[in-house]
C-alpha atoms as a PDB file:
ATOM      1  CA  MET A   1      -9.320 -27.375  -5.675  1.00  0.00           C
ATOM      2  CA  ILE A   2     -12.045 -24.709  -5.818  1.00  0.00           C
ATOM      3  CA  ASN A   3     -15.128 -24.412  -7.976  1.00  0.00           C
ATOM      4  CA  VAL A   4     -15.005 -21.311 -10.179  1.00  0.00           C
ATOM      5  CA  LYS A   5     -18.036 -20.483 -12.292  1.00  0.00           C
ATOM      6  CA  ILE A   6     -17.113 -18.827 -15.573  1.00  0.00           C
ATOM      7  CA  LYS A   7     -19.156 -17.096 -18.253  1.00  0.00           C
ATOM      8  CA  LYS A   8     -18.212 -16.066 -21.794  1.00  0.00           C
ATOM      9  CA  LEU A   9     -19.373 -12.527 -22.530  1.00  0.00           C
ATOM     10  CA  ASN A  10     -18.550 -12.482 -26.244  1.00  0.00           C
ATOM     11  CA  ASP A  11     -17.610 -14.784 -29.113  1.00  0.00           C
ATOM     12  CA  ASN A  12     -13.934 -13.734 -29.042  1.00  0.00           C
ATOM     13  CA  ALA A  13     -13.482 -14.937 -25.460  1.00  0.00           C
ATOM     14  CA  LYS A  14     -11.361 -17.988 -24.778  1.00  0.00           C
ATOM     15  CA  PHE A  15     -11.410 -19.910 -21.498  1.00  0.00           C
ATOM     16  CA  PRO A  16      -8.286 -19.745 -19.262  1.00  0.00           C
ATOM     17  CA  GLU A  17      -5.790 -22.578 -19.621  1.00  0.00           C
ATOM     18  CA  ARG A  18      -2.915 -24.025 -17.641  1.00  0.00           C
ATOM     19  CA  MET A  19      -0.006 -24.616 -19.996  1.00  0.00           C
ATOM     20  CA  THR A  20       1.538 -27.414 -17.938  1.00  0.00           C
ATOM     21  CA  GLU A  21       0.204 -29.945 -15.452  1.00  0.00           C
ATOM     22  CA  HIS A  22       1.699 -28.220 -12.408  1.00  0.00           C
ATOM     23  CA  ALA A  23       1.355 -24.586 -13.492  1.00  0.00           C
ATOM     24  CA  ALA A  24      -0.025 -22.324 -10.758  1.00  0.00           C
ATOM     25  CA  GLY A  25      -1.434 -19.789 -13.197  1.00  0.00           C
ATOM     26  CA  TYR A  26      -4.159 -19.999 -15.802  1.00  0.00           C
ATOM     27  CA  ASP A  27      -3.287 -18.049 -18.936  1.00  0.00           C
ATOM     28  CA  LEU A  28      -5.820 -15.396 -19.886  1.00  0.00           C
ATOM     29  CA  TYR A  29      -6.501 -14.465 -23.500  1.00  0.00           C
ATOM     30  CA  SER A  30      -7.452 -11.162 -25.097  1.00  0.00           C
ATOM     31  CA  ALA A  31     -10.993 -10.989 -26.478  1.00  0.00           C
ATOM     32  CA  ASN A  32     -10.481  -8.055 -28.844  1.00  0.00           C
ATOM     33  CA  SER A  33     -11.829  -8.493 -32.376  1.00  0.00           C
ATOM     34  CA  GLU A  34      -9.120  -6.307 -33.962  1.00  0.00           C
ATOM     35  CA  GLU A  35      -5.468  -5.660 -33.196  1.00  0.00           C
ATOM     36  CA  ILE A  36      -4.734  -3.200 -30.381  1.00  0.00           C
ATOM     37  CA  ILE A  37      -1.502  -1.200 -30.602  1.00  0.00           C
ATOM     38  CA  LEU A  38       0.103  -0.527 -27.228  1.00  0.00           C
ATOM     39  CA  LYS A  39       2.520   2.416 -27.515  1.00  0.00           C
ATOM     40  CA  PRO A  40       5.654   2.694 -25.338  1.00  0.00           C
ATOM     41  CA  GLY A  41       4.884   4.189 -21.929  1.00  0.00           C
ATOM     42  CA  LYS A  42       1.143   3.717 -22.418  1.00  0.00           C
ATOM     43  CA  LEU A  43      -1.590   1.733 -20.696  1.00  0.00           C
ATOM     44  CA  VAL A  44      -4.512  -0.104 -22.335  1.00  0.00           C
ATOM     45  CA  MET A  45      -7.375  -2.069 -20.777  1.00  0.00           C
ATOM     46  CA  ILE A  46      -7.586  -5.336 -22.686  1.00  0.00           C
ATOM     47  CA  PRO A  47     -10.883  -7.242 -22.538  1.00  0.00           C
ATOM     48  CA  THR A  48     -10.940 -10.971 -21.798  1.00  0.00           C
ATOM     49  CA  GLY A  49     -14.628 -11.446 -22.563  1.00  0.00           C
ATOM     50  CA  LEU A  50     -14.953 -13.454 -19.340  1.00  0.00           C
ATOM     51  CA  ALA A  51     -16.683 -13.042 -15.989  1.00  0.00           C
ATOM     52  CA  ILE A  52     -16.272 -15.367 -12.997  1.00  0.00           C
ATOM     53  CA  SER A  53     -17.888 -16.206  -9.691  1.00  0.00           C
ATOM     54  CA  LEU A  54     -15.556 -17.242  -6.873  1.00  0.00           C
ATOM     55  CA  PRO A  55     -16.310 -18.865  -3.524  1.00  0.00           C
ATOM     56  CA  VAL A  56     -16.334 -16.565  -0.470  1.00  0.00           C
ATOM     57  CA  ASN A  57     -12.838 -15.973   1.013  1.00  0.00           C
ATOM     58  CA  TYR A  58     -11.130 -16.505  -2.354  1.00  0.00           C
ATOM     59  CA  GLU A  59      -9.665 -14.036  -4.802  1.00  0.00           C
ATOM     60  CA  ALA A  60      -8.280 -14.323  -8.309  1.00  0.00           C
ATOM     61  CA  GLN A  61      -4.937 -12.569  -8.737  1.00  0.00           C
ATOM     62  CA  ILE A  62      -4.043 -11.176 -12.158  1.00  0.00           C
ATOM     63  CA  ARG A  63      -0.329 -11.256 -12.897  1.00  0.00           C
ATOM     64  CA  PRO A  64       1.922 -10.605 -15.880  1.00  0.00           C
ATOM     65  CA  ARG A  65       3.158 -13.385 -18.121  1.00  0.00           C
ATOM     66  CA  SER A  66       6.912 -13.760 -17.743  1.00  0.00           C
ATOM     67  CA  GLY A  67       7.361 -14.394 -21.476  1.00  0.00           C
ATOM     68  CA  LEU A  68       5.724 -11.077 -22.426  1.00  0.00           C
ATOM     69  CA  ALA A  69       7.713  -9.248 -19.763  1.00  0.00           C
ATOM     70  CA  TYR A  70      11.024 -10.720 -20.921  1.00  0.00           C
ATOM     71  CA  LYS A  71      10.511 -10.632 -24.678  1.00  0.00           C
ATOM     72  CA  ALA A  72       8.490  -7.431 -25.109  1.00  0.00           C
ATOM     73  CA  GLN A  73       8.655  -5.538 -21.773  1.00  0.00           C
ATOM     74  CA  ILE A  74       4.868  -5.832 -21.377  1.00  0.00           C
ATOM     75  CA  GLY A  75       3.481  -5.978 -17.838  1.00  0.00           C
ATOM     76  CA  VAL A  76       0.269  -5.798 -15.861  1.00  0.00           C
ATOM     77  CA  LEU A  77       0.227  -2.378 -14.229  1.00  0.00           C
ATOM     78  CA  ASN A  78      -1.590  -3.156 -10.972  1.00  0.00           C
ATOM     79  CA  SER A  79       0.150  -6.445 -10.421  1.00  0.00           C
ATOM     80  CA  PRO A  80      -1.155  -8.428  -8.823  1.00  0.00           C
ATOM     81  CA  GLY A  81      -4.637  -7.201  -9.553  1.00  0.00           C
ATOM     82  CA  THR A  82      -7.402  -8.667  -7.422  1.00  0.00           C
ATOM     83  CA  ILE A  83     -10.773 -10.002  -8.503  1.00  0.00           C
ATOM     84  CA  ASP A  84     -12.987 -10.218  -5.424  1.00  0.00           C
ATOM     85  CA  ALA A  85     -15.523 -12.980  -4.800  1.00  0.00           C
ATOM     86  CA  ASP A  86     -18.440 -10.565  -5.253  1.00  0.00           C
ATOM     87  CA  TYR A  87     -17.309  -9.072  -8.617  1.00  0.00           C
ATOM     88  CA  ARG A  88     -19.320 -10.278 -11.621  1.00  0.00           C
ATOM     89  CA  GLY A  89     -18.127  -7.923 -14.351  1.00  0.00           C
ATOM     90  CA  GLU A  90     -15.770  -8.581 -17.215  1.00  0.00           C
ATOM     91  CA  ILE A  91     -12.161  -9.314 -16.332  1.00  0.00           C
ATOM     92  CA  GLY A  92     -10.083  -6.558 -17.890  1.00  0.00           C
ATOM     93  CA  ILE A  93      -6.286  -6.617 -18.026  1.00  0.00           C
ATOM     94  CA  LEU A  94      -4.330  -3.365 -17.585  1.00  0.00           C
ATOM     95  CA  LEU A  95      -1.380  -3.954 -19.927  1.00  0.00           C
ATOM     96  CA  TYR A  96       1.475  -1.458 -19.794  1.00  0.00           C
ATOM     97  CA  ASN A  97       4.270  -1.125 -22.326  1.00  0.00           C
ATOM     98  CA  PHE A  98       7.523  -0.642 -20.396  1.00  0.00           C
ATOM     99  CA  GLY A  99       9.515  -1.043 -23.624  1.00  0.00           C
ATOM    100  CA  GLU A 100      10.583   1.319 -26.376  1.00  0.00           C
ATOM    101  CA  GLU A 101       8.628  -0.203 -29.280  1.00  0.00           C
ATOM    102  CA  ASP A 102       4.947  -0.562 -30.165  1.00  0.00           C
ATOM    103  CA  PHE A 103       3.397  -3.844 -29.063  1.00  0.00           C
ATOM    104  CA  THR A 104       0.476  -5.423 -30.898  1.00  0.00           C
ATOM    105  CA  VAL A 105      -2.183  -7.301 -28.950  1.00  0.00           C
ATOM    106  CA  THR A 106      -3.766  -9.698 -31.423  1.00  0.00           C
ATOM    107  CA  PRO A 107      -7.137 -11.373 -30.892  1.00  0.00           C
ATOM    108  CA  GLN A 108      -6.971 -14.360 -28.513  1.00  0.00           C
ATOM    109  CA  MET A 109      -3.379 -13.596 -27.501  1.00  0.00           C
ATOM    110  CA  ARG A 110      -2.165 -14.866 -24.116  1.00  0.00           C
ATOM    111  CA  ILE A 111      -1.815 -11.619 -22.159  1.00  0.00           C
ATOM    112  CA  ALA A 112      -1.753 -12.403 -18.426  1.00  0.00           C
ATOM    113  CA  GLN A 113      -2.228 -15.160 -15.907  1.00  0.00           C
ATOM    114  CA  MET A 114      -4.752 -15.739 -13.161  1.00  0.00           C
ATOM    115  CA  ILE A 115      -3.972 -17.435  -9.853  1.00  0.00           C
ATOM    116  CA  PHE A 116      -6.522 -18.310  -7.185  1.00  0.00           C
ATOM    117  CA  ALA A 117      -5.765 -17.666  -3.521  1.00  0.00           C
ATOM    118  CA  GLN A 118      -7.662 -18.096  -0.297  1.00  0.00           C
ATOM    119  CA  HIS A 119      -7.569 -15.140   2.073  1.00  0.00           C
ATOM    120  CA  ALA A 120      -8.463 -14.434   5.685  1.00  0.00           C
ATOM    121  CA  VAL A 121     -11.047 -11.954   6.913  1.00  0.00           C
ATOM    122  CA  ALA A 122      -9.681  -9.704   9.669  1.00  0.00           C
ATOM    123  CA  ASP A 123     -11.339  -8.779  12.927  1.00  0.00           C
ATOM    124  CA  PHE A 124      -9.534  -5.588  13.993  1.00  0.00           C
ATOM    125  CA  GLU A 125      -8.871  -5.032  17.679  1.00  0.00           C
ATOM    126  CA  VAL A 126      -8.204  -1.415  18.625  1.00  0.00           C
ATOM    127  CA  VAL A 127      -5.378  -1.149  21.190  1.00  0.00           C
ATOM    128  CA  GLU A 128      -3.331   1.621  22.822  1.00  0.00           C
ATOM    129  CA  ASP A 129       0.055  -0.115  22.318  1.00  0.00           C
ATOM    130  CA  LEU A 130       1.498  -2.840  20.129  1.00  0.00           C
ATOM    131  CA  ASP A 131       3.963  -5.506  21.248  1.00  0.00           C
ATOM    132  CA  GLU A 132       7.632  -4.552  20.812  1.00  0.00           C
ATOM    133  CA  THR A 133       9.913  -6.340  18.320  1.00  0.00           C
ATOM    134  CA  LYS A 134      13.596  -6.095  17.441  1.00  0.00           C
ATOM    135  CA  ARG A 135      12.712  -4.285  14.199  1.00  0.00           C
ATOM    136  CA  ASN A 136       9.927  -2.261  15.813  1.00  0.00           C
ATOM    137  CA  GLU A 137       9.330   0.835  13.624  1.00  0.00           C
ATOM    138  CA  GLY A 138      12.211   0.269  11.182  1.00  0.00           C
ATOM    139  CA  GLY A 139      10.779   0.891   7.718  1.00  0.00           C
ATOM    140  CA  PHE A 140      12.008   0.664   4.148  1.00  0.00           C
ATOM    141  CA  GLY A 141      15.645  -0.362   3.937  1.00  0.00           C
ATOM    142  CA  HIS A 142      15.794  -1.075   7.660  1.00  0.00           C
ATOM    143  CA  THR A 143      17.427  -4.479   7.189  1.00  0.00           C
ATOM    144  CA  SER A 144      20.001  -3.245   4.613  1.00  0.00           C
ATOM    145  CA  HIS A 145      23.636  -3.574   5.562  1.00  0.00           C
END
């Protein structure tokens, strides 16, 4: 378990919630005061009204909600989005309408989920050659049959 400091930035903000005891993600809510219409093929930044402070070497990943994706073809465009440990601004969600109909984001609607992950810090070593592998430089589709 990690300690995450959280701050409400406006009265419409709602704190993240886990919907079940063993859920990995915390649902994030929209903090808009009026409905936002998301047109097909369009992108809108939805405010959450929240800011967080994470421990060093942790990130918060923003991911789509499977229910919105399945039922309304709504996704998070830069999925997973990353909130770094040194970011203190409002968490905004880039919702994209992959569907063919308008989608309405109502105030305090569950719009995305947030998952916390620890990450490593790299120390790069510059070398002339890399070790050989069976795959070696095989790129996209290399393992297709």
